[in-house]
Amino acid sequence: MTLRDTLQQAQITAMKDRDADRVSVLRMLMGAIKNAEIAAGVTSLDDVATLAVVKREVKQVSDSLVEFGKAGRDDLVQKAQYELGVLEAYLPAQLSDIELDTIISEVIAASGATSPKDIGNVMGPVMLRVNGQADGSRVRERVMQKLS
């Protein structure tokens, strides 16, 4: 069963459960996936492309959450937190800090990076190895700590 099928099944289940908030989030996500399919000119995206759409939606909701917090809109903050919770359930499990630090240390040792100037030589290989299991800003922060 593909990720897209899983999302469609979750949407149907939410409709049967009359969970309007969850249905709304899943419809938004399915709409974004459909738009990506149209843009790519395909009838159905593969799991990698579907996951990229889910990640993009998570980032968008996360950014909105920050802005709503700055504006003092607690009602919208709660809604965005709920949306984030629903969307993150469809992302792969995130690497722990220890696992991420291990990967970063291995890449630093292999590349010979010694200062923050070398961050570009480290970030690319690290991001390839984490393969979506860690946020880029989190990886960058950990790399900077190791290189400082």
Protein backbone atom coordinates (compact mmCIF):
# COMPACT_ATOMS: atom_id res chain seq x y z
CA MET A 1 0.00 0.00 0.00
CA THR A 2 1.47 3.33 -1.06
CA LEU A 3 1.61 6.41 1.14
CA ARG A 4 -1.06 8.00 -1.05
CA ASP A 5 -3.35 4.99 -0.48
CA THR A 6 -2.70 5.19 3.25
CA LEU A 7 -3.65 8.86 3.26
CA GLN A 8 -6.84 8.18 1.28
CA GLN A 9 -7.75 5.39 3.70
CA ALA A 10 -7.13 7.70 6.67
CA GLN A 11 -9.35 10.33 5.06
CA ILE A 12 -12.18 7.83 4.59
CA THR A 13 -11.82 6.63 8.18
CA ALA A 14 -11.90 10.21 9.47
CA MET A 15 -15.06 10.87 7.44
CA LYS A 16 -16.73 7.77 8.87
CA ASP A 17 -15.71 8.86 12.38
CA ARG A 18 -17.12 12.34 11.65
CA ASP A 19 -13.79 13.90 12.67
CA ALA A 20 -14.19 17.16 10.74
CA ASP A 21 -10.83 18.63 11.80
CA ARG A 22 -8.86 15.57 10.71
CA VAL A 23 -10.83 15.36 7.45
CA SER A 24 -9.98 19.00 6.77
CA VAL A 25 -6.24 18.43 7.27
CA LEU A 26 -6.22 15.28 5.15
CA ARG A 27 -8.20 16.98 2.36
CA MET A 28 -5.69 19.83 2.37
CA LEU A 29 -2.86 17.30 2.07
CA MET A 30 -4.58 15.28 -0.66
CA GLY A 31 -5.20 18.53 -2.55
CA ALA A 32 -1.51 19.38 -2.35
CA ILE A 33 -0.64 15.88 -3.59
CA LYS A 34 -3.11 16.22 -6.48
CA ASN A 35 -1.59 19.59 -7.41
CA ALA A 36 1.88 18.01 -7.41
CA GLU A 37 0.61 15.19 -9.64
CA ILE A 38 -0.85 17.69 -12.10
CA ALA A 39 2.36 19.73 -12.09
CA ALA A 40 4.42 16.58 -12.72
CA GLY A 41 2.01 15.36 -15.39
CA VAL A 42 1.47 11.96 -13.77
CA THR A 43 -1.61 10.16 -12.51
CA SER A 44 -0.08 9.10 -9.21
CA LEU A 45 3.11 10.17 -7.43
CA ASP A 46 5.50 7.58 -6.06
CA ASP A 47 6.09 7.39 -2.30
CA VAL A 48 9.23 9.57 -2.44
CA ALA A 49 7.43 12.40 -4.20
CA THR A 50 4.36 12.03 -1.96
CA LEU A 51 6.60 12.19 1.10
CA ALA A 52 8.18 15.36 -0.27
CA VAL A 53 4.70 16.92 -0.51
CA VAL A 54 3.94 15.88 3.09
CA LYS A 55 7.24 17.43 4.24
CA ARG A 56 6.45 20.64 2.36
CA GLU A 57 3.04 20.85 4.04
CA VAL A 58 4.60 20.20 7.46
CA LYS A 59 7.08 23.01 6.87
CA GLN A 60 4.31 25.35 5.75
CA VAL A 61 2.19 24.61 8.83
CA SER A 62 5.27 24.96 11.08
CA ASP A 63 6.03 28.37 9.60
CA SER A 64 2.40 29.40 10.08
CA LEU A 65 2.54 28.21 13.68
CA VAL A 66 5.49 30.50 14.41
CA GLU A 67 3.77 33.48 12.77
CA PHE A 68 0.51 32.85 14.63
CA GLY A 69 2.47 32.71 17.89
CA LYS A 70 4.15 36.03 17.16
CA ALA A 71 0.77 37.60 16.36
CA GLY A 72 -0.74 36.28 19.60
CA ARG A 73 -3.42 34.27 17.81
CA ASP A 74 -3.83 31.40 20.27
CA ASP A 75 -6.85 30.00 18.41
CA LEU A 76 -4.85 29.63 15.21
CA VAL A 77 -1.83 28.31 17.14
CA GLN A 78 -3.96 25.47 18.52
CA LYS A 79 -5.35 24.68 15.07
CA ALA A 80 -1.86 24.68 13.52
CA GLN A 81 -0.54 22.43 16.30
CA TYR A 82 -3.34 19.95 15.62
CA GLU A 83 -2.62 20.05 11.86
CA LEU A 84 1.07 19.51 12.54
CA GLY A 85 0.31 16.49 14.72
CA VAL A 86 -1.85 14.93 11.99
CA LEU A 87 0.70 15.58 9.24
CA GLU A 88 3.75 14.42 11.22
CA ALA A 89 2.11 11.03 11.74
CA TYR A 90 2.80 10.34 8.04
CA LEU A 91 6.49 11.26 8.14
CA PRO A 92 9.18 8.63 8.74
CA ALA A 93 10.52 8.33 12.28
CA GLN A 94 13.08 11.02 13.07
CA LEU A 95 16.65 10.12 14.04
CA SER A 96 17.58 10.55 17.67
CA ASP A 97 20.23 13.12 18.59
CA ILE A 98 22.71 10.31 19.27
CA GLU A 99 22.14 8.68 15.86
CA LEU A 100 22.37 12.06 14.13
CA ASP A 101 25.58 12.95 15.99
CA THR A 102 27.10 9.60 14.98
CA ILE A 103 26.37 10.23 11.29
CA ILE A 104 27.71 13.78 11.53
CA SER A 105 30.91 12.61 13.25
CA GLU A 106 31.50 9.95 10.58
CA VAL A 107 31.04 12.47 7.76
CA ILE A 108 33.29 15.04 9.47
CA ALA A 109 36.00 12.39 9.91
CA ALA A 110 35.68 11.27 6.27
CA SER A 111 35.72 14.81 4.85
CA GLY A 112 38.42 16.18 7.14
CA ALA A 113 36.31 19.23 8.03
CA THR A 114 37.73 21.25 10.92
CA SER A 115 36.01 24.64 10.98
CA PRO A 116 32.56 26.16 10.39
CA LYS A 117 33.81 27.22 6.93
CA ASP A 118 33.68 23.54 5.94
CA ILE A 119 29.95 23.22 6.65
CA GLY A 120 29.14 22.82 2.95
CA ASN A 121 31.43 19.78 2.71
CA VAL A 122 29.60 18.17 5.63
CA MET A 123 25.94 19.12 5.11
CA GLY A 124 25.52 17.50 1.68
CA PRO A 125 26.73 14.02 2.64
CA VAL A 126 24.92 14.16 6.00
CA MET A 127 21.61 15.09 4.37
CA LEU A 128 22.02 12.21 1.90
CA ARG A 129 22.60 9.77 4.74
CA VAL A 130 19.74 10.95 6.96
CA ASN A 131 17.41 10.68 3.95
CA GLY A 132 14.56 12.76 5.33
CA GLN A 133 14.80 11.44 8.87
CA ALA A 134 16.01 14.77 10.25
CA ASP A 135 15.10 18.37 9.55
CA GLY A 136 17.76 20.38 7.69
CA SER A 137 17.83 23.16 10.28
CA ARG A 138 18.33 20.60 13.05
CA VAL A 139 21.18 18.97 11.10
CA ARG A 140 22.80 22.35 10.43
CA GLU A 141 22.64 23.25 14.12
CA ARG A 142 24.26 19.94 15.15
CA VAL A 143 26.98 20.26 12.46
CA MET A 144 27.80 23.80 13.62
CA GLN A 145 28.12 22.54 17.21
CA LYS A 146 30.53 19.82 16.10
CA LEU A 147 32.63 22.14 13.93
CA SER A 148 32.89 24.95 16.49
